[in-house]
């Protein structure tokens, strides 16, 4: 393994409150951020210093989701509902008032939109009609994050009651309950081959679950000092990054689940407060090769260039 070199190449400013979420677009150089100031900002890695506000809502934005099929950006507005922006036309396509709770995550599958909220509900929407068609009462605690296993036809949800619950994507019946962590489950991500599910929690543990053994625990790692807020994989799946309330970003080898690099304020002029979200971009240029973008409570985004000499 060659030595991993990490450099911060950009600091993006403009949000007036904590930045909570990130989403990609169909253009590798373009991505989006959402924050506590209610602003959704479009950024271009070819001209990173100039963000463009594409939506402004009255409450915090914790959740953004890019639907590749339709090239839509779905915005979750706390205490209200969702807004759909058509990126081809760059215009609002529809809104749905659906909740008085906080919206923590949004995902899509086929003709459905799934919304996770702080009242423990998963609301299922018809995409074309933008109307609620089902609701899953998963817990009395917050529904925090989603993952979808398309081959097993499963919707996985992490909750603040420490559990991961697995639902059938057709019937929405509960298939399995995993007593996963000692505290809230904040993030779920599958490896690129769907062999393993990774979960990160407020308990600072990164856990690896074997899908071929009915989600049996494969490994448990004390990965950070405080809550793990998000996990993001590089496009080829060989590496992934975690971010935490401990202000750091860490880069890992997927095959061995081995820590390769710690990005923090002391060593890399990293964030000074909680790092809330990551996006491992597929963008490449002469200056940068598939950068990692991090979003923080310090109201900024950082763009990191991570390279191995002979990767």
C-alpha atoms as a PDB file:
ATOM      1  CA  UNK A   1       0.000   0.000   0.000  1.00  0.00           C
ATOM      2  CA  UNK A   2       1.438   3.333  -1.065  1.00  0.00           C
ATOM      3  CA  UNK A   3       1.325   6.287   1.264  1.00  0.00           C
ATOM      4  CA  UNK A   4      -1.881   8.275   1.007  1.00  0.00           C
ATOM      5  CA  UNK A   5      -1.398  11.986   0.486  1.00  0.00           C
ATOM      6  CA  UNK A   6      -4.237  14.392   1.311  1.00  0.00           C
ATOM      7  CA  UNK A   7      -4.395  18.094   0.562  1.00  0.00           C
ATOM      8  CA  UNK A   8      -7.148  20.638   1.070  1.00  0.00           C
ATOM      9  CA  UNK A   9      -7.559  22.465  -2.211  1.00  0.00           C
ATOM     10  CA  UNK A  10     -10.654  24.591  -1.570  1.00  0.00           C
ATOM     11  CA  UNK A  11     -12.696  26.041   1.275  1.00  0.00           C
ATOM     12  CA  UNK A  12     -16.215  26.930   0.143  1.00  0.00           C
ATOM     13  CA  UNK A  13     -18.067  29.643   2.037  1.00  0.00           C
ATOM     14  CA  UNK A  14     -21.467  31.273   1.782  1.00  0.00           C
ATOM     15  CA  UNK A  15     -23.828  29.373   4.053  1.00  0.00           C
ATOM     16  CA  UNK A  16     -24.912  31.286   7.149  1.00  0.00           C
ATOM     17  CA  UNK A  17     -25.561  28.233   9.325  1.00  0.00           C
ATOM     18  CA  UNK A  18     -24.365  24.654   9.774  1.00  0.00           C
ATOM     19  CA  UNK A  19     -24.075  22.669   6.535  1.00  0.00           C
ATOM     20  CA  UNK A  20     -25.856  19.358   7.012  1.00  0.00           C
ATOM     21  CA  UNK A  21     -26.116  17.590   3.691  1.00  0.00           C
ATOM     22  CA  UNK A  22     -24.588  17.131   0.237  1.00  0.00           C
ATOM     23  CA  UNK A  23     -25.807  15.608  -3.023  1.00  0.00           C
ATOM     24  CA  UNK A  24     -24.196  14.897  -6.415  1.00  0.00           C
ATOM     25  CA  UNK A  25     -25.551  15.713  -9.868  1.00  0.00           C
ATOM     26  CA  UNK A  26     -25.349  14.196 -13.344  1.00  0.00           C
ATOM     27  CA  UNK A  27     -22.381  16.487 -14.021  1.00  0.00           C
ATOM     28  CA  UNK A  28     -19.321  15.189 -12.204  1.00  0.00           C
ATOM     29  CA  UNK A  29     -18.104  18.718 -11.458  1.00  0.00           C
ATOM     30  CA  UNK A  30     -21.409  19.908  -9.942  1.00  0.00           C
ATOM     31  CA  UNK A  31     -22.815  19.144  -6.495  1.00  0.00           C
ATOM     32  CA  UNK A  32     -25.274  20.616  -3.990  1.00  0.00           C
ATOM     33  CA  UNK A  33     -25.291  21.533  -0.314  1.00  0.00           C
ATOM     34  CA  UNK A  34     -28.109  22.143   2.148  1.00  0.00           C
ATOM     35  CA  UNK A  35     -27.868  23.925   5.486  1.00  0.00           C
ATOM     36  CA  UNK A  36     -29.559  25.287   8.564  1.00  0.00           C
ATOM     37  CA  UNK A  37     -30.031  28.608   6.775  1.00  0.00           C
ATOM     38  CA  UNK A  38     -32.574  26.976   4.451  1.00  0.00           C
ATOM     39  CA  UNK A  39     -30.396  27.536   1.407  1.00  0.00           C
ATOM     40  CA  UNK A  40     -29.683  24.899  -1.228  1.00  0.00           C
ATOM     41  CA  UNK A  41     -26.514  25.878  -3.059  1.00  0.00           C
ATOM     42  CA  UNK A  42     -25.103  24.571  -6.337  1.00  0.00           C
ATOM     43  CA  UNK A  43     -21.294  24.360  -6.544  1.00  0.00           C
ATOM     44  CA  UNK A  44     -19.052  23.754  -9.536  1.00  0.00           C
ATOM     45  CA  UNK A  45     -15.624  22.216  -8.946  1.00  0.00           C
ATOM     46  CA  UNK A  46     -14.420  23.913 -12.118  1.00  0.00           C
ATOM     47  CA  UNK A  47     -15.198  27.272 -10.511  1.00  0.00           C
ATOM     48  CA  UNK A  48     -15.512  26.368  -6.831  1.00  0.00           C
ATOM     49  CA  UNK A  49     -15.435  29.805  -5.239  1.00  0.00           C
ATOM     50  CA  UNK A  50     -18.811  30.860  -6.618  1.00  0.00           C
ATOM     51  CA  UNK A  51     -21.829  29.010  -5.262  1.00  0.00           C
ATOM     52  CA  UNK A  52     -25.291  29.581  -6.715  1.00  0.00           C
ATOM     53  CA  UNK A  53     -28.408  29.507  -4.524  1.00  0.00           C
ATOM     54  CA  UNK A  54     -31.014  27.392  -6.331  1.00  0.00           C
ATOM     55  CA  UNK A  55     -33.597  27.178  -3.542  1.00  0.00           C
ATOM     56  CA  UNK A  56     -34.381  28.962  -0.290  1.00  0.00           C
ATOM     57  CA  UNK A  57     -36.813  27.518   2.257  1.00  0.00           C
ATOM     58  CA  UNK A  58     -37.929  28.735   5.672  1.00  0.00           C
ATOM     59  CA  UNK A  59     -36.536  25.869   7.772  1.00  0.00           C
ATOM     60  CA  UNK A  60     -33.320  23.854   7.957  1.00  0.00           C
ATOM     61  CA  UNK A  61     -32.413  21.419   5.189  1.00  0.00           C
ATOM     62  CA  UNK A  62     -31.042  18.176   6.627  1.00  0.00           C
ATOM     63  CA  UNK A  63     -31.694  16.012   3.557  1.00  0.00           C
ATOM     64  CA  UNK A  64     -30.991  16.257  -0.171  1.00  0.00           C
ATOM     65  CA  UNK A  65     -31.340  13.456  -2.707  1.00  0.00           C
ATOM     66  CA  UNK A  66     -30.362  13.395  -6.367  1.00  0.00           C
ATOM     67  CA  UNK A  67     -32.479  11.084  -8.506  1.00  0.00           C
ATOM     68  CA  UNK A  68     -30.300  10.032 -11.433  1.00  0.00           C
ATOM     69  CA  UNK A  69     -33.117   8.674 -13.584  1.00  0.00           C
ATOM     70  CA  UNK A  70     -35.076  11.939 -13.759  1.00  0.00           C
ATOM     71  CA  UNK A  71     -32.197  14.296 -12.901  1.00  0.00           C
ATOM     72  CA  UNK A  72     -34.191  15.736 -10.035  1.00  0.00           C
ATOM     73  CA  UNK A  73     -32.957  17.169  -6.752  1.00  0.00           C
ATOM     74  CA  UNK A  74     -35.324  16.413  -3.865  1.00  0.00           C
ATOM     75  CA  UNK A  75     -35.074  18.833  -0.952  1.00  0.00           C
ATOM     76  CA  UNK A  76     -36.302  18.005   2.551  1.00  0.00           C
ATOM     77  CA  UNK A  77     -37.571  21.064   4.437  1.00  0.00           C
ATOM     78  CA  UNK A  78     -37.929  20.497   8.160  1.00  0.00           C
ATOM     79  CA  UNK A  79     -41.467  20.772   9.559  1.00  0.00           C
ATOM     80  CA  UNK A  80     -42.947  21.053   6.070  1.00  0.00           C
ATOM     81  CA  UNK A  81     -42.176  18.491   3.397  1.00  0.00           C
ATOM     82  CA  UNK A  82     -40.288  17.988   0.175  1.00  0.00           C
ATOM     83  CA  UNK A  83     -39.593  20.072  -2.901  1.00  0.00           C
ATOM     84  CA  UNK A  84     -38.605  18.610  -6.275  1.00  0.00           C
ATOM     85  CA  UNK A  85     -36.295  20.634  -8.524  1.00  0.00           C
ATOM     86  CA  UNK A  86     -35.830  19.655 -12.167  1.00  0.00           C
ATOM     87  CA  UNK A  87     -32.152  20.166 -12.853  1.00  0.00           C
ATOM     88  CA  UNK A  88     -32.527  19.948 -16.642  1.00  0.00           C
ATOM     89  CA  UNK A  89     -34.925  22.894 -16.608  1.00  0.00           C
ATOM     90  CA  UNK A  90     -33.516  24.393 -13.384  1.00  0.00           C
ATOM     91  CA  UNK A  91     -36.991  24.984 -11.999  1.00  0.00           C
ATOM     92  CA  UNK A  92     -39.291  23.819  -9.213  1.00  0.00           C
ATOM     93  CA  UNK A  93     -41.479  20.908 -10.320  1.00  0.00           C
ATOM     94  CA  UNK A  94     -43.574  20.349  -7.221  1.00  0.00           C
ATOM     95  CA  UNK A  95     -43.870  20.435  -3.439  1.00  0.00           C
ATOM     96  CA  UNK A  96     -45.679  18.346  -0.854  1.00  0.00           C
ATOM     97  CA  UNK A  97     -46.526  19.425   2.672  1.00  0.00           C
ATOM     98  CA  UNK A  98     -46.335  16.108   4.497  1.00  0.00           C
ATOM     99  CA  UNK A  99     -44.932  16.426   8.012  1.00  0.00           C
ATOM    100  CA  UNK A 100     -44.463  18.623  11.048  1.00  0.00           C
ATOM    101  CA  UNK A 101     -41.328  16.678  11.918  1.00  0.00           C
ATOM    102  CA  UNK A 102     -37.692  17.034  10.890  1.00  0.00           C
ATOM    103  CA  UNK A 103     -36.718  15.263   7.662  1.00  0.00           C
ATOM    104  CA  UNK A 104     -33.465  13.361   8.174  1.00  0.00           C
ATOM    105  CA  UNK A 105     -33.087  11.371   4.957  1.00  0.00           C
ATOM    106  CA  UNK A 106     -34.611  10.917   1.513  1.00  0.00           C
ATOM    107  CA  UNK A 107     -34.068   8.143  -1.017  1.00  0.00           C
ATOM    108  CA  UNK A 108     -35.776   6.876  -4.160  1.00  0.00           C
ATOM    109  CA  UNK A 109     -36.319   3.481  -5.769  1.00  0.00           C
ATOM    110  CA  UNK A 110     -38.215   2.934  -9.018  1.00  0.00           C
ATOM    111  CA  UNK A 111     -41.444   4.944  -8.752  1.00  0.00           C
ATOM    112  CA  UNK A 112     -41.226   5.638  -5.025  1.00  0.00           C
ATOM    113  CA  UNK A 113     -39.777   8.323  -2.762  1.00  0.00           C
ATOM    114  CA  UNK A 114     -38.961   7.380   0.836  1.00  0.00           C
ATOM    115  CA  UNK A 115     -38.750  10.030   3.554  1.00  0.00           C
ATOM    116  CA  UNK A 116     -37.382   9.403   7.075  1.00  0.00           C
ATOM    117  CA  UNK A 117     -38.583  11.763   9.817  1.00  0.00           C
ATOM    118  CA  UNK A 118     -37.983  12.565  13.462  1.00  0.00           C
ATOM    119  CA  UNK A 119     -41.314  11.057  14.560  1.00  0.00           C
ATOM    120  CA  UNK A 120     -40.058   7.564  13.640  1.00  0.00           C
ATOM    121  CA  UNK A 121     -42.069   7.405  10.424  1.00  0.00           C
ATOM    122  CA  UNK A 122     -41.057   6.345   6.937  1.00  0.00           C
ATOM    123  CA  UNK A 123     -43.405   7.944   4.433  1.00  0.00           C
ATOM    124  CA  UNK A 124     -43.716   6.334   1.002  1.00  0.00           C
ATOM    125  CA  UNK A 125     -44.623   8.651  -1.875  1.00  0.00           C
ATOM    126  CA  UNK A 126     -45.706   8.035  -5.445  1.00  0.00           C
ATOM    127  CA  UNK A 127     -43.008   9.820  -7.434  1.00  0.00           C
ATOM    128  CA  UNK A 128     -45.089  10.980 -10.396  1.00  0.00           C
ATOM    129  CA  UNK A 129     -48.102  12.108  -8.400  1.00  0.00           C
ATOM    130  CA  UNK A 130     -46.024  13.358  -5.473  1.00  0.00           C
ATOM    131  CA  UNK A 131     -48.569  11.909  -3.077  1.00  0.00           C
ATOM    132  CA  UNK A 132     -48.269   9.771   0.049  1.00  0.00           C
ATOM    133  CA  UNK A 133     -49.306   6.167  -0.571  1.00  0.00           C
ATOM    134  CA  UNK A 134     -48.050   4.387   2.543  1.00  0.00           C
ATOM    135  CA  UNK A 135     -46.504   5.003   5.927  1.00  0.00           C
ATOM    136  CA  UNK A 136     -44.339   2.767   8.068  1.00  0.00           C
ATOM    137  CA  UNK A 137     -44.275   3.447  11.797  1.00  0.00           C
ATOM    138  CA  UNK A 138     -40.795   2.117  12.465  1.00  0.00           C
ATOM    139  CA  UNK A 139     -40.151   3.393  15.972  1.00  0.00           C
ATOM    140  CA  UNK A 140     -41.083   5.926  18.608  1.00  0.00           C
ATOM    141  CA  UNK A 141     -37.581   7.324  18.096  1.00  0.00           C
ATOM    142  CA  UNK A 142     -36.218   9.165  15.075  1.00  0.00           C
ATOM    143  CA  UNK A 143     -35.816   7.520  11.661  1.00  0.00           C
ATOM    144  CA  UNK A 144     -32.345   8.727  10.675  1.00  0.00           C
ATOM    145  CA  UNK A 145     -31.017   7.092   7.509  1.00  0.00           C
ATOM    146  CA  UNK A 146     -31.726   4.763   4.584  1.00  0.00           C
ATOM    147  CA  UNK A 147     -29.967   2.149   2.515  1.00  0.00           C
ATOM    148  CA  UNK A 148     -31.467   0.031  -0.270  1.00  0.00           C
ATOM    149  CA  UNK A 149     -30.381  -3.470  -1.300  1.00  0.00           C
ATOM    150  CA  UNK A 150     -31.918  -3.818  -4.797  1.00  0.00           C
ATOM    151  CA  UNK A 151     -30.988  -7.478  -5.264  1.00  0.00           C
ATOM    152  CA  UNK A 152     -32.609  -8.518  -1.994  1.00  0.00           C
ATOM    153  CA  UNK A 153     -35.427  -6.007  -2.519  1.00  0.00           C
ATOM    154  CA  UNK A 154     -34.872  -4.508   0.914  1.00  0.00           C
ATOM    155  CA  UNK A 155     -35.233  -1.075   2.481  1.00  0.00           C
ATOM    156  CA  UNK A 156     -32.962  -0.628   5.496  1.00  0.00           C
ATOM    157  CA  UNK A 157     -33.598   2.123   8.037  1.00  0.00           C
ATOM    158  CA  UNK A 158     -31.413   3.267  10.931  1.00  0.00           C
ATOM    159  CA  UNK A 159     -33.202   4.637  13.987  1.00  0.00           C
ATOM    160  CA  UNK A 160     -32.375   6.597  17.123  1.00  0.00           C
ATOM    161  CA  UNK A 161     -33.480   3.627  19.228  1.00  0.00           C
ATOM    162  CA  UNK A 162     -30.162   1.994  18.187  1.00  0.00           C
ATOM    163  CA  UNK A 163     -31.799  -0.478  15.769  1.00  0.00           C
ATOM    164  CA  UNK A 164     -31.562  -1.136  12.063  1.00  0.00           C
ATOM    165  CA  UNK A 165     -34.857  -2.396  10.639  1.00  0.00           C
ATOM    166  CA  UNK A 166     -35.116  -4.139   7.288  1.00  0.00           C
ATOM    167  CA  UNK A 167     -38.337  -3.947   5.265  1.00  0.00           C
ATOM    168  CA  UNK A 168     -39.512  -5.678   2.113  1.00  0.00           C
ATOM    169  CA  UNK A 169     -39.627  -3.093  -0.675  1.00  0.00           C
ATOM    170  CA  UNK A 170     -42.887  -4.443  -2.082  1.00  0.00           C
ATOM    171  CA  UNK A 171     -45.012  -5.101   0.991  1.00  0.00           C
ATOM    172  CA  UNK A 172     -43.113  -2.880   3.484  1.00  0.00           C
ATOM    173  CA  UNK A 173     -43.372  -5.726   5.959  1.00  0.00           C
ATOM    174  CA  UNK A 174     -40.644  -5.933   8.568  1.00  0.00           C
ATOM    175  CA  UNK A 175     -38.185  -8.702   7.650  1.00  0.00           C
ATOM    176  CA  UNK A 176     -35.495  -8.303  10.293  1.00  0.00           C
ATOM    177  CA  UNK A 177     -34.530  -6.160  13.268  1.00  0.00           C
ATOM    178  CA  UNK A 178     -30.863  -5.691  14.175  1.00  0.00           C
ATOM    179  CA  UNK A 179     -29.872  -4.446  17.633  1.00  0.00           C
ATOM    180  CA  UNK A 180     -26.995  -2.616  16.006  1.00  0.00           C
ATOM    181  CA  UNK A 181     -25.472   0.019  18.297  1.00  0.00           C
ATOM    182  CA  UNK A 182     -25.432   1.519  21.779  1.00  0.00           C
ATOM    183  CA  UNK A 183     -26.855   4.775  20.468  1.00  0.00           C
ATOM    184  CA  UNK A 184     -28.558   6.323  17.413  1.00  0.00           C
ATOM    185  CA  UNK A 185     -27.756   4.886  13.978  1.00  0.00           C
ATOM    186  CA  UNK A 186     -26.800   7.909  11.872  1.00  0.00           C
ATOM    187  CA  UNK A 187     -25.592   6.401   8.600  1.00  0.00           C
ATOM    188  CA  UNK A 188     -25.903   3.219   6.492  1.00  0.00           C
ATOM    189  CA  UNK A 189     -23.969   2.359   3.328  1.00  0.00           C
ATOM    190  CA  UNK A 190     -23.472  -0.840   1.317  1.00  0.00           C
ATOM    191  CA  UNK A 191     -20.171  -1.805  -0.229  1.00  0.00           C
ATOM    192  CA  UNK A 192     -20.230  -1.699  -4.032  1.00  0.00           C
ATOM    193  CA  UNK A 193     -20.770  -5.481  -4.303  1.00  0.00           C
ATOM    194  CA  UNK A 194     -23.474  -5.423  -1.590  1.00  0.00           C
ATOM    195  CA  UNK A 195     -21.528  -8.032   0.378  1.00  0.00           C
ATOM    196  CA  UNK A 196     -21.339  -5.830   3.460  1.00  0.00           C
ATOM    197  CA  UNK A 197     -23.483  -3.196   5.110  1.00  0.00           C
ATOM    198  CA  UNK A 198     -21.637  -0.493   7.044  1.00  0.00           C
ATOM    199  CA  UNK A 199     -23.324   1.379   9.872  1.00  0.00           C
ATOM    200  CA  UNK A 200     -22.121   4.390  11.849  1.00  0.00           C
ATOM    201  CA  UNK A 201     -23.565   5.602  15.117  1.00  0.00           C
ATOM    202  CA  UNK A 202     -23.561   8.196  17.826  1.00  0.00           C
ATOM    203  CA  UNK A 203     -21.653   5.569  19.839  1.00  0.00           C
ATOM    204  CA  UNK A 204     -18.597   6.256  17.586  1.00  0.00           C
ATOM    205  CA  UNK A 205     -18.495   2.652  16.353  1.00  0.00           C
ATOM    206  CA  UNK A 206     -18.278   1.595  12.731  1.00  0.00           C
ATOM    207  CA  UNK A 207     -19.915  -1.796  12.284  1.00  0.00           C
ATOM    208  CA  UNK A 208     -19.726  -4.155   9.319  1.00  0.00           C
ATOM    209  CA  UNK A 209     -22.601  -6.578   8.646  1.00  0.00           C
ATOM    210  CA  UNK A 210     -22.360  -9.609   6.325  1.00  0.00           C
ATOM    211  CA  UNK A 211     -25.356  -9.676   3.964  1.00  0.00           C
ATOM    212  CA  UNK A 212     -24.559 -13.257   2.871  1.00  0.00           C
ATOM    213  CA  UNK A 213     -24.980 -14.394   6.476  1.00  0.00           C
ATOM    214  CA  UNK A 214     -28.287 -12.618   7.056  1.00  0.00           C
ATOM    215  CA  UNK A 215     -26.580  -9.460   8.299  1.00  0.00           C
ATOM    216  CA  UNK A 216     -24.429 -11.206  10.896  1.00  0.00           C
ATOM    217  CA  UNK A 217     -21.910  -8.872  12.542  1.00  0.00           C
ATOM    218  CA  UNK A 218     -18.598  -9.173  10.700  1.00  0.00           C
ATOM    219  CA  UNK A 219     -16.550  -6.494  12.461  1.00  0.00           C
ATOM    220  CA  UNK A 220     -16.943  -3.721  15.030  1.00  0.00           C
ATOM    221  CA  UNK A 221     -14.465  -0.828  15.021  1.00  0.00           C
ATOM    222  CA  UNK A 222     -14.093   2.064  17.442  1.00  0.00           C
ATOM    223  CA  UNK A 223     -13.625   4.430  14.533  1.00  0.00           C
ATOM    224  CA  UNK A 224     -13.961   7.916  16.051  1.00  0.00           C
ATOM    225  CA  UNK A 225     -14.000   9.694  19.402  1.00  0.00           C
ATOM    226  CA  UNK A 226     -17.575  10.891  18.981  1.00  0.00           C
ATOM    227  CA  UNK A 227     -20.581  10.257  16.741  1.00  0.00           C
ATOM    228  CA  UNK A 228     -20.062   9.003  13.190  1.00  0.00           C
ATOM    229  CA  UNK A 229     -22.281  11.219  11.077  1.00  0.00           C
ATOM    230  CA  UNK A 230     -21.772   9.807   7.593  1.00  0.00           C
ATOM    231  CA  UNK A 231     -19.991   7.239   5.402  1.00  0.00           C
ATOM    232  CA  UNK A 232     -19.123   7.773   1.723  1.00  0.00           C
ATOM    233  CA  UNK A 233     -17.441   5.413  -0.763  1.00  0.00           C
ATOM    234  CA  UNK A 234     -15.118   6.235  -3.608  1.00  0.00           C
ATOM    235  CA  UNK A 235     -16.659   5.455  -6.998  1.00  0.00           C
ATOM    236  CA  UNK A 236     -14.736   2.177  -7.435  1.00  0.00           C
ATOM    237  CA  UNK A 237     -15.618   1.019  -3.925  1.00  0.00           C
ATOM    238  CA  UNK A 238     -11.993   0.373  -2.896  1.00  0.00           C
ATOM    239  CA  UNK A 239     -11.967   3.062  -0.233  1.00  0.00           C
ATOM    240  CA  UNK A 240     -14.459   4.842   1.961  1.00  0.00           C
ATOM    241  CA  UNK A 241     -14.466   7.841   4.259  1.00  0.00           C
ATOM    242  CA  UNK A 242     -16.167   8.515   7.575  1.00  0.00           C
ATOM    243  CA  UNK A 243     -16.829  11.847   9.255  1.00  0.00           C
ATOM    244  CA  UNK A 244     -17.589  12.642  12.830  1.00  0.00           C
ATOM    245  CA  UNK A 245     -18.673  15.017  15.516  1.00  0.00           C
ATOM    246  CA  UNK A 246     -15.018  14.782  16.630  1.00  0.00           C
ATOM    247  CA  UNK A 247     -14.223  17.204  13.726  1.00  0.00           C
ATOM    248  CA  UNK A 248     -12.281  14.650  11.678  1.00  0.00           C
ATOM    249  CA  UNK A 249     -12.591  12.810   8.377  1.00  0.00           C
ATOM    250  CA  UNK A 250     -11.021   9.352   8.159  1.00  0.00           C
ATOM    251  CA  UNK A 251     -10.188   7.321   5.054  1.00  0.00           C
ATOM    252  CA  UNK A 252     -10.371   3.518   5.105  1.00  0.00           C
ATOM    253  CA  UNK A 253      -9.455   0.546   2.938  1.00  0.00           C
ATOM    254  CA  UNK A 254     -12.620  -1.400   2.110  1.00  0.00           C
ATOM    255  CA  UNK A 255     -11.063  -4.840   1.666  1.00  0.00           C
ATOM    256  CA  UNK A 256      -9.517  -4.915   5.143  1.00  0.00           C
ATOM    257  CA  UNK A 257     -11.540  -2.160   6.854  1.00  0.00           C
ATOM    258  CA  UNK A 258      -8.186  -0.626   7.783  1.00  0.00           C
ATOM    259  CA  UNK A 259      -7.675   3.028   8.668  1.00  0.00           C
ATOM    260  CA  UNK A 260      -5.398   4.781   6.180  1.00  0.00           C
ATOM    261  CA  UNK A 261      -5.588   8.496   6.961  1.00  0.00           C
ATOM    262  CA  UNK A 262      -6.949  10.970   9.497  1.00  0.00           C
ATOM    263  CA  UNK A 263      -7.856  14.438   8.210  1.00  0.00           C
ATOM    264  CA  UNK A 264      -8.193  16.978  11.018  1.00  0.00           C
ATOM    265  CA  UNK A 265      -7.608  20.589  11.954  1.00  0.00           C
ATOM    266  CA  UNK A 266      -4.162  20.088  13.493  1.00  0.00           C
ATOM    267  CA  UNK A 267      -2.620  18.220  10.576  1.00  0.00           C
ATOM    268  CA  UNK A 268      -4.558  19.428   7.546  1.00  0.00           C
ATOM    269  CA  UNK A 269      -6.327  22.675   8.522  1.00  0.00           C
ATOM    270  CA  UNK A 270      -9.534  20.713   8.680  1.00  0.00           C
ATOM    271  CA  UNK A 271     -12.877  21.686  10.173  1.00  0.00           C
ATOM    272  CA  UNK A 272     -13.084  23.225  13.633  1.00  0.00           C
ATOM    273  CA  UNK A 273     -16.469  21.740  14.491  1.00  0.00           C
ATOM    274  CA  UNK A 274     -18.554  18.659  13.684  1.00  0.00           C
ATOM    275  CA  UNK A 275     -18.214  17.238  10.156  1.00  0.00           C
ATOM    276  CA  UNK A 276     -21.759  16.330   9.171  1.00  0.00           C
ATOM    277  CA  UNK A 277     -21.662  14.954   5.646  1.00  0.00           C
ATOM    278  CA  UNK A 278     -19.347  13.650   2.936  1.00  0.00           C
ATOM    279  CA  UNK A 279     -19.466  13.344  -0.822  1.00  0.00           C
ATOM    280  CA  UNK A 280     -16.733  11.407  -2.633  1.00  0.00           C
ATOM    281  CA  UNK A 281     -16.903  12.978  -6.058  1.00  0.00           C
ATOM    282  CA  UNK A 282     -16.058  11.243  -9.347  1.00  0.00           C
ATOM    283  CA  UNK A 283     -14.768  14.522 -10.803  1.00  0.00           C
ATOM    284  CA  UNK A 284     -11.259  14.482 -12.291  1.00  0.00           C
ATOM    285  CA  UNK A 285      -9.070  17.279 -13.641  1.00  0.00           C
ATOM    286  CA  UNK A 286      -5.417  18.238 -13.799  1.00  0.00           C
ATOM    287  CA  UNK A 287      -5.770  19.739 -10.323  1.00  0.00           C
ATOM    288  CA  UNK A 288      -7.812  17.119  -8.539  1.00  0.00           C
ATOM    289  CA  UNK A 289      -8.607  13.406  -8.808  1.00  0.00           C
ATOM    290  CA  UNK A 290     -11.959  12.316  -7.317  1.00  0.00           C
ATOM    291  CA  UNK A 291     -12.011  14.751  -4.384  1.00  0.00           C
ATOM    292  CA  UNK A 292     -13.740  14.260  -1.066  1.00  0.00           C
ATOM    293  CA  UNK A 293     -16.102  17.070  -0.105  1.00  0.00           C
ATOM    294  CA  UNK A 294     -16.916  17.584   3.573  1.00  0.00           C
ATOM    295  CA  UNK A 295     -19.648  19.734   5.140  1.00  0.00           C
ATOM    296  CA  UNK A 296     -19.470  21.073   8.671  1.00  0.00           C
ATOM    297  CA  UNK A 297     -21.132  22.945  11.503  1.00  0.00           C
ATOM    298  CA  UNK A 298     -18.503  25.643  10.883  1.00  0.00           C
ATOM    299  CA  UNK A 299     -20.650  26.742   7.876  1.00  0.00           C
ATOM    300  CA  UNK A 300     -18.025  25.762   5.314  1.00  0.00           C
ATOM    301  CA  UNK A 301     -17.331  22.959   2.873  1.00  0.00           C
ATOM    302  CA  UNK A 302     -13.829  21.639   2.283  1.00  0.00           C
ATOM    303  CA  UNK A 303     -12.591  19.954  -0.893  1.00  0.00           C
ATOM    304  CA  UNK A 304      -9.879  17.345  -0.279  1.00  0.00           C
ATOM    305  CA  UNK A 305      -7.608  15.787  -2.874  1.00  0.00           C
ATOM    306  CA  UNK A 306      -6.692  12.237  -1.777  1.00  0.00           C
ATOM    307  CA  UNK A 307      -4.113  10.432  -3.873  1.00  0.00           C
ATOM    308  CA  UNK A 308      -1.971   7.334  -3.832  1.00  0.00           C
ATOM    309  CA  UNK A 309       1.139   7.477  -6.053  1.00  0.00           C
ATOM    310  CA  UNK A 310       0.313   4.154  -7.744  1.00  0.00           C
ATOM    311  CA  UNK A 311      -3.323   3.556  -6.837  1.00  0.00           C
END
